[in-house]
Every structure is written in C-alpha cells, then in structure tokens.
Amino acid sequence: MNKINYPNPQKIRKNWSDLNGQWQVYFPENETDCSLFPENNLFTQTIEVPYSYTFKRSQVAKKDYQPVMWYAKELDLVIQQDKNYLLQFEAVDYICDIWVNDQFVYQHVGGNTPFEVNLTPFLSEKNTIKIKVTDYNLVNQGLGKQKWKKEN
C-alpha cells in the first residue's frame, strides 16, 4: 500500500475503503428545513468529497453561503464479526452530525481537528450514511478552509 495515498499513514490497515468521491448532497432552503431530518428524495445533487461546495472541484460550485448541508452515501458491506468499522475524517467545518441507517451515531464540533467514529454497532450489509454539516461562521469559532468574508 502506498503510504502517500493513505489519509493517515500511522493508522494503515490492510482493509480500508476511501469514501472520498461522489456523495449525494442536499442544501436546505430555509431555517425550518435545516432542522428537519431529510428524506432520501431530497438528495437530488451530487458533490465530490472532500471538496467544499464553494470549489469547482466539488462539481457543485455553489456561490451562495450555505450554513447547513447534508451528505448521503449508500454503502454495501460484507460484515465480519471480528472487525471494527471506523469512519475517519481529517476535519469537518464546523459541526458534524452522523447517522447510519437513520440512527444518530455521533456529533463532532471543531472545524480543523481530525476525528473517527466506530460505526460497527450501527452497520448492516446495506447502509445509508447521512452527515449534517453546520457552519454559521460565528466569530467565536475557529475558521476552516472556507472564507467567510470576500476579502479573506
């Protein structure tokens, strides 16, 4: 395995999957929609992860500020009883809520710190991962990669 292509060379495992790539994405249009758990039919666009929706490489290139967005990905697995299934992030700006098969799993707060979540108890052979990302760019939180002022 090429260490350069692995996201964290200190945690190399023989069996791992890179979930970067195409994800479904949903951009709520108003504050009420931001607080609701989205049905699958609302995920009508795709985004290239790990890019921010503001970058062309995301294949969305949305210019309007979006404080809340949802990602979804279908994941088929052959579950091995003696294995743990971890979901690792290098960073998510700023609040990240994770659901697997419509069960809430974890919340992480902090826009520039890596974290991992053990998904093992929530997984089956067919899975849907949904991730809600919230970033209101408040002055009391650290800044991530995205700019929040035109002059940044």
C-alpha atoms as a PDB file:
ATOM      1  CA  MET A   1       0.000   0.000   0.000  1.00  0.00           C
ATOM      2  CA  ASN A   2       1.292   3.417  -0.916  1.00  0.00           C
ATOM      3  CA  LYS A   3       1.549   5.480   2.286  1.00  0.00           C
ATOM      4  CA  ILE A   4       1.279   8.729   0.359  1.00  0.00           C
ATOM      5  CA  ASN A   5      -2.251   7.835  -0.803  1.00  0.00           C
ATOM      6  CA  TYR A   6      -3.409   6.718   2.629  1.00  0.00           C
ATOM      7  CA  PRO A   7      -5.111   9.514   4.625  1.00  0.00           C
ATOM      8  CA  ASN A   8      -3.287   8.778   7.886  1.00  0.00           C
ATOM      9  CA  PRO A   9      -0.125   6.647   7.446  1.00  0.00           C
ATOM     10  CA  GLN A  10       0.043   5.982  11.201  1.00  0.00           C
ATOM     11  CA  LYS A  11      -3.248   4.062  11.002  1.00  0.00           C
ATOM     12  CA  ILE A  12      -2.617   1.904   7.941  1.00  0.00           C
ATOM     13  CA  ARG A  13      -4.834  -1.175   7.792  1.00  0.00           C
ATOM     14  CA  LYS A  14      -4.913  -3.958   5.225  1.00  0.00           C
ATOM     15  CA  ASN A  15      -8.621  -3.492   4.553  1.00  0.00           C
ATOM     16  CA  TRP A  16      -9.896   0.037   4.205  1.00  0.00           C
ATOM     17  CA  SER A  17     -12.126   1.956   1.836  1.00  0.00           C
ATOM     18  CA  ASP A  18     -11.731   5.550   0.776  1.00  0.00           C
ATOM     19  CA  LEU A  19     -15.160   7.205   0.854  1.00  0.00           C
ATOM     20  CA  ASN A  20     -13.944  10.315  -0.947  1.00  0.00           C
ATOM     21  CA  GLY A  21     -15.692  10.737  -4.258  1.00  0.00           C
ATOM     22  CA  GLN A  22     -19.329  11.112  -5.237  1.00  0.00           C
ATOM     23  CA  TRP A  23     -21.859  11.688  -2.452  1.00  0.00           C
ATOM     24  CA  GLN A  24     -25.448  12.833  -2.688  1.00  0.00           C
ATOM     25  CA  VAL A  25     -25.987  16.308  -1.239  1.00  0.00           C
ATOM     26  CA  TYR A  26     -28.981  18.310  -0.011  1.00  0.00           C
ATOM     27  CA  PHE A  27     -28.965  22.063   0.587  1.00  0.00           C
ATOM     28  CA  PRO A  28     -31.885  23.097   2.836  1.00  0.00           C
ATOM     29  CA  GLU A  29     -33.541  26.256   1.554  1.00  0.00           C
ATOM     30  CA  ASN A  30     -34.712  27.789   4.859  1.00  0.00           C
ATOM     31  CA  GLU A  31     -34.219  27.603   8.628  1.00  0.00           C
ATOM     32  CA  THR A  32     -37.118  25.184   9.125  1.00  0.00           C
ATOM     33  CA  ASP A  33     -35.670  22.749   6.590  1.00  0.00           C
ATOM     34  CA  CYS A  34     -32.270  22.981   8.325  1.00  0.00           C
ATOM     35  CA  SER A  35     -33.657  21.394  11.468  1.00  0.00           C
ATOM     36  CA  LEU A  36     -35.506  18.511   9.781  1.00  0.00           C
ATOM     37  CA  PHE A  37     -34.026  15.089   9.071  1.00  0.00           C
ATOM     38  CA  PRO A  38     -34.140  14.821   5.272  1.00  0.00           C
ATOM     39  CA  GLU A  39     -35.881  12.080   3.362  1.00  0.00           C
ATOM     40  CA  ASN A  40     -33.815  10.316   0.697  1.00  0.00           C
ATOM     41  CA  ASN A  41     -35.692  12.007  -2.164  1.00  0.00           C
ATOM     42  CA  LEU A  42     -34.278  15.425  -1.141  1.00  0.00           C
ATOM     43  CA  PHE A  43     -30.736  14.394  -2.098  1.00  0.00           C
ATOM     44  CA  THR A  44     -31.011  15.470  -5.734  1.00  0.00           C
ATOM     45  CA  GLN A  45     -27.466  16.698  -6.391  1.00  0.00           C
ATOM     46  CA  THR A  46     -24.037  15.111  -6.169  1.00  0.00           C
ATOM     47  CA  ILE A  47     -20.848  16.535  -4.715  1.00  0.00           C
ATOM     48  CA  GLU A  48     -17.238  15.424  -4.979  1.00  0.00           C
ATOM     49  CA  VAL A  49     -15.938  14.837  -1.445  1.00  0.00           C
ATOM     50  CA  PRO A  50     -13.654  16.098   0.149  1.00  0.00           C
ATOM     51  CA  TYR A  51     -14.144  19.431  -1.634  1.00  0.00           C
ATOM     52  CA  SER A  52     -16.242  22.254  -0.232  1.00  0.00           C
ATOM     53  CA  TYR A  53     -19.343  23.125  -2.217  1.00  0.00           C
ATOM     54  CA  THR A  54     -17.699  26.506  -2.940  1.00  0.00           C
ATOM     55  CA  PHE A  55     -14.912  24.939  -5.033  1.00  0.00           C
ATOM     56  CA  LYS A  56     -15.244  23.946  -8.702  1.00  0.00           C
ATOM     57  CA  ARG A  57     -13.729  20.535  -7.959  1.00  0.00           C
ATOM     58  CA  SER A  58     -16.785  19.770  -5.820  1.00  0.00           C
ATOM     59  CA  GLN A  59     -18.770  19.719  -9.090  1.00  0.00           C
ATOM     60  CA  VAL A  60     -21.341  21.914  -7.342  1.00  0.00           C
ATOM     61  CA  ALA A  61     -19.587  25.306  -7.300  1.00  0.00           C
ATOM     62  CA  LYS A  62     -22.409  26.881  -5.328  1.00  0.00           C
ATOM     63  CA  LYS A  63     -21.562  30.501  -4.586  1.00  0.00           C
ATOM     64  CA  ASP A  64     -24.322  31.301  -2.092  1.00  0.00           C
ATOM     65  CA  TYR A  65     -23.446  30.905   1.574  1.00  0.00           C
ATOM     66  CA  GLN A  66     -24.908  27.666   2.917  1.00  0.00           C
ATOM     67  CA  PRO A  67     -24.848  27.310   6.729  1.00  0.00           C
ATOM     68  CA  VAL A  68     -26.326  23.790   6.761  1.00  0.00           C
ATOM     69  CA  MET A  69     -25.947  20.979   4.271  1.00  0.00           C
ATOM     70  CA  TRP A  70     -26.459  17.233   4.247  1.00  0.00           C
ATOM     71  CA  TYR A  71     -24.426  14.475   2.614  1.00  0.00           C
ATOM     72  CA  ALA A  72     -25.640  10.925   1.947  1.00  0.00           C
ATOM     73  CA  LYS A  73     -23.917   7.805   0.681  1.00  0.00           C
ATOM     74  CA  GLU A  74     -25.043   4.218   0.194  1.00  0.00           C
ATOM     75  CA  LEU A  75     -22.530   1.694   1.492  1.00  0.00           C
ATOM     76  CA  ASP A  76     -22.731  -2.064   0.957  1.00  0.00           C
ATOM     77  CA  LEU A  77     -20.577  -4.209   3.246  1.00  0.00           C
ATOM     78  CA  VAL A  78     -19.746  -7.790   3.970  1.00  0.00           C
ATOM     79  CA  ILE A  79     -19.761  -7.606   7.762  1.00  0.00           C
ATOM     80  CA  GLN A  80     -17.006  -9.516   9.534  1.00  0.00           C
ATOM     81  CA  GLN A  81     -17.835 -10.186  13.179  1.00  0.00           C
ATOM     82  CA  ASP A  82     -14.286  -9.730  14.473  1.00  0.00           C
ATOM     83  CA  LYS A  83     -13.739  -6.368  12.753  1.00  0.00           C
ATOM     84  CA  ASN A  84     -14.456  -2.776  13.705  1.00  0.00           C
ATOM     85  CA  TYR A  85     -15.669  -0.351  11.052  1.00  0.00           C
ATOM     86  CA  LEU A  86     -14.341   3.150  11.597  1.00  0.00           C
ATOM     87  CA  LEU A  87     -15.287   6.322   9.782  1.00  0.00           C
ATOM     88  CA  GLN A  88     -12.392   8.793   9.819  1.00  0.00           C
ATOM     89  CA  PHE A  89     -12.413  12.490   8.992  1.00  0.00           C
ATOM     90  CA  GLU A  90      -9.432  14.770   8.592  1.00  0.00           C
ATOM     91  CA  ALA A  91     -11.708  17.705   9.512  1.00  0.00           C
ATOM     92  CA  VAL A  92     -15.292  18.917   9.072  1.00  0.00           C
ATOM     93  CA  ASP A  93     -16.096  22.602   9.377  1.00  0.00           C
ATOM     94  CA  TYR A  94     -17.736  23.119  11.927  1.00  0.00           C
ATOM     95  CA  ILE A  95     -20.394  20.846  13.474  1.00  0.00           C
ATOM     96  CA  CYS A  96     -20.758  17.354  12.060  1.00  0.00           C
ATOM     97  CA  ASP A  97     -23.690  15.071  12.933  1.00  0.00           C
ATOM     98  CA  ILE A  98     -23.582  11.489  11.659  1.00  0.00           C
ATOM     99  CA  TRP A  99     -26.407   8.996  11.139  1.00  0.00           C
ATOM    100  CA  VAL A 100     -26.199   5.416   9.902  1.00  0.00           C
ATOM    101  CA  ASN A 101     -29.400   3.784   8.712  1.00  0.00           C
ATOM    102  CA  ASP A 102     -31.358   6.687  10.215  1.00  0.00           C
ATOM    103  CA  GLN A 103     -29.850   6.139  13.684  1.00  0.00           C
ATOM    104  CA  PHE A 104     -27.952   9.033  15.217  1.00  0.00           C
ATOM    105  CA  VAL A 105     -24.354   7.954  15.826  1.00  0.00           C
ATOM    106  CA  TYR A 106     -22.124  10.892  16.738  1.00  0.00           C
ATOM    107  CA  GLN A 107     -21.586  14.642  16.831  1.00  0.00           C
ATOM    108  CA  HIS A 108     -18.217  16.340  16.413  1.00  0.00           C
ATOM    109  CA  VAL A 109     -17.616  20.051  17.000  1.00  0.00           C
ATOM    110  CA  GLY A 110     -14.485  21.746  15.691  1.00  0.00           C
ATOM    111  CA  GLY A 111     -13.598  22.754  12.170  1.00  0.00           C
ATOM    112  CA  ASN A 112      -9.965  21.747  11.914  1.00  0.00           C
ATOM    113  CA  THR A 113      -9.437  18.628  14.012  1.00  0.00           C
ATOM    114  CA  PRO A 114      -9.420  15.031  12.769  1.00  0.00           C
ATOM    115  CA  PHE A 115     -11.765  12.508  14.385  1.00  0.00           C
ATOM    116  CA  GLU A 116     -13.022   8.973  13.938  1.00  0.00           C
ATOM    117  CA  VAL A 117     -16.260   7.200  14.754  1.00  0.00           C
ATOM    118  CA  ASN A 118     -16.820   3.496  15.340  1.00  0.00           C
ATOM    119  CA  LEU A 119     -19.813   2.588  13.164  1.00  0.00           C
ATOM    120  CA  THR A 120     -19.710  -1.146  13.890  1.00  0.00           C
ATOM    121  CA  PRO A 121     -22.873  -1.406  16.055  1.00  0.00           C
ATOM    122  CA  PHE A 122     -24.934   0.542  13.506  1.00  0.00           C
ATOM    123  CA  LEU A 123     -23.976  -1.279  10.308  1.00  0.00           C
ATOM    124  CA  SER A 124     -25.661  -3.970   8.259  1.00  0.00           C
ATOM    125  CA  GLU A 125     -24.957  -5.309   4.786  1.00  0.00           C
ATOM    126  CA  LYS A 126     -26.790  -2.366   3.146  1.00  0.00           C
ATOM    127  CA  ASN A 127     -26.265   1.043   4.730  1.00  0.00           C
ATOM    128  CA  THR A 128     -27.026   4.702   4.282  1.00  0.00           C
ATOM    129  CA  ILE A 129     -24.691   7.206   5.887  1.00  0.00           C
ATOM    130  CA  LYS A 130     -26.088  10.721   6.322  1.00  0.00           C
ATOM    131  CA  ILE A 131     -23.956  13.581   7.534  1.00  0.00           C
ATOM    132  CA  LYS A 132     -25.239  17.003   8.523  1.00  0.00           C
ATOM    133  CA  VAL A 133     -22.668  19.787   8.441  1.00  0.00           C
ATOM    134  CA  THR A 134     -23.469  23.065  10.190  1.00  0.00           C
ATOM    135  CA  ASP A 135     -21.274  26.148   9.981  1.00  0.00           C
ATOM    136  CA  TYR A 136     -22.756  29.556  10.743  1.00  0.00           C
ATOM    137  CA  ASN A 137     -19.282  31.161  10.678  1.00  0.00           C
ATOM    138  CA  LEU A 138     -19.686  32.563  14.158  1.00  0.00           C
ATOM    139  CA  VAL A 139     -16.902  34.819  15.388  1.00  0.00           C
ATOM    140  CA  ASN A 140     -16.360  32.620  18.475  1.00  0.00           C
ATOM    141  CA  GLN A 141     -15.474  29.504  16.469  1.00  0.00           C
ATOM    142  CA  GLY A 142     -12.303  28.606  14.641  1.00  0.00           C
ATOM    143  CA  LEU A 143     -12.257  29.037  10.888  1.00  0.00           C
ATOM    144  CA  GLY A 144     -11.898  26.164   8.461  1.00  0.00           C
ATOM    145  CA  LYS A 145     -10.746  26.251   4.842  1.00  0.00           C
ATOM    146  CA  GLN A 146     -13.657  28.298   3.552  1.00  0.00           C
ATOM    147  CA  LYS A 147     -13.636  32.051   3.551  1.00  0.00           C
ATOM    148  CA  TRP A 148     -16.372  33.969   5.321  1.00  0.00           C
ATOM    149  CA  LYS A 149     -15.541  37.432   4.065  1.00  0.00           C
ATOM    150  CA  LYS A 150     -14.963  38.446   0.462  1.00  0.00           C
ATOM    151  CA  GLU A 151     -11.596  39.961   1.349  1.00  0.00           C
ATOM    152  CA  ASN A 152     -10.208  36.798   3.007  1.00  0.00           C
END
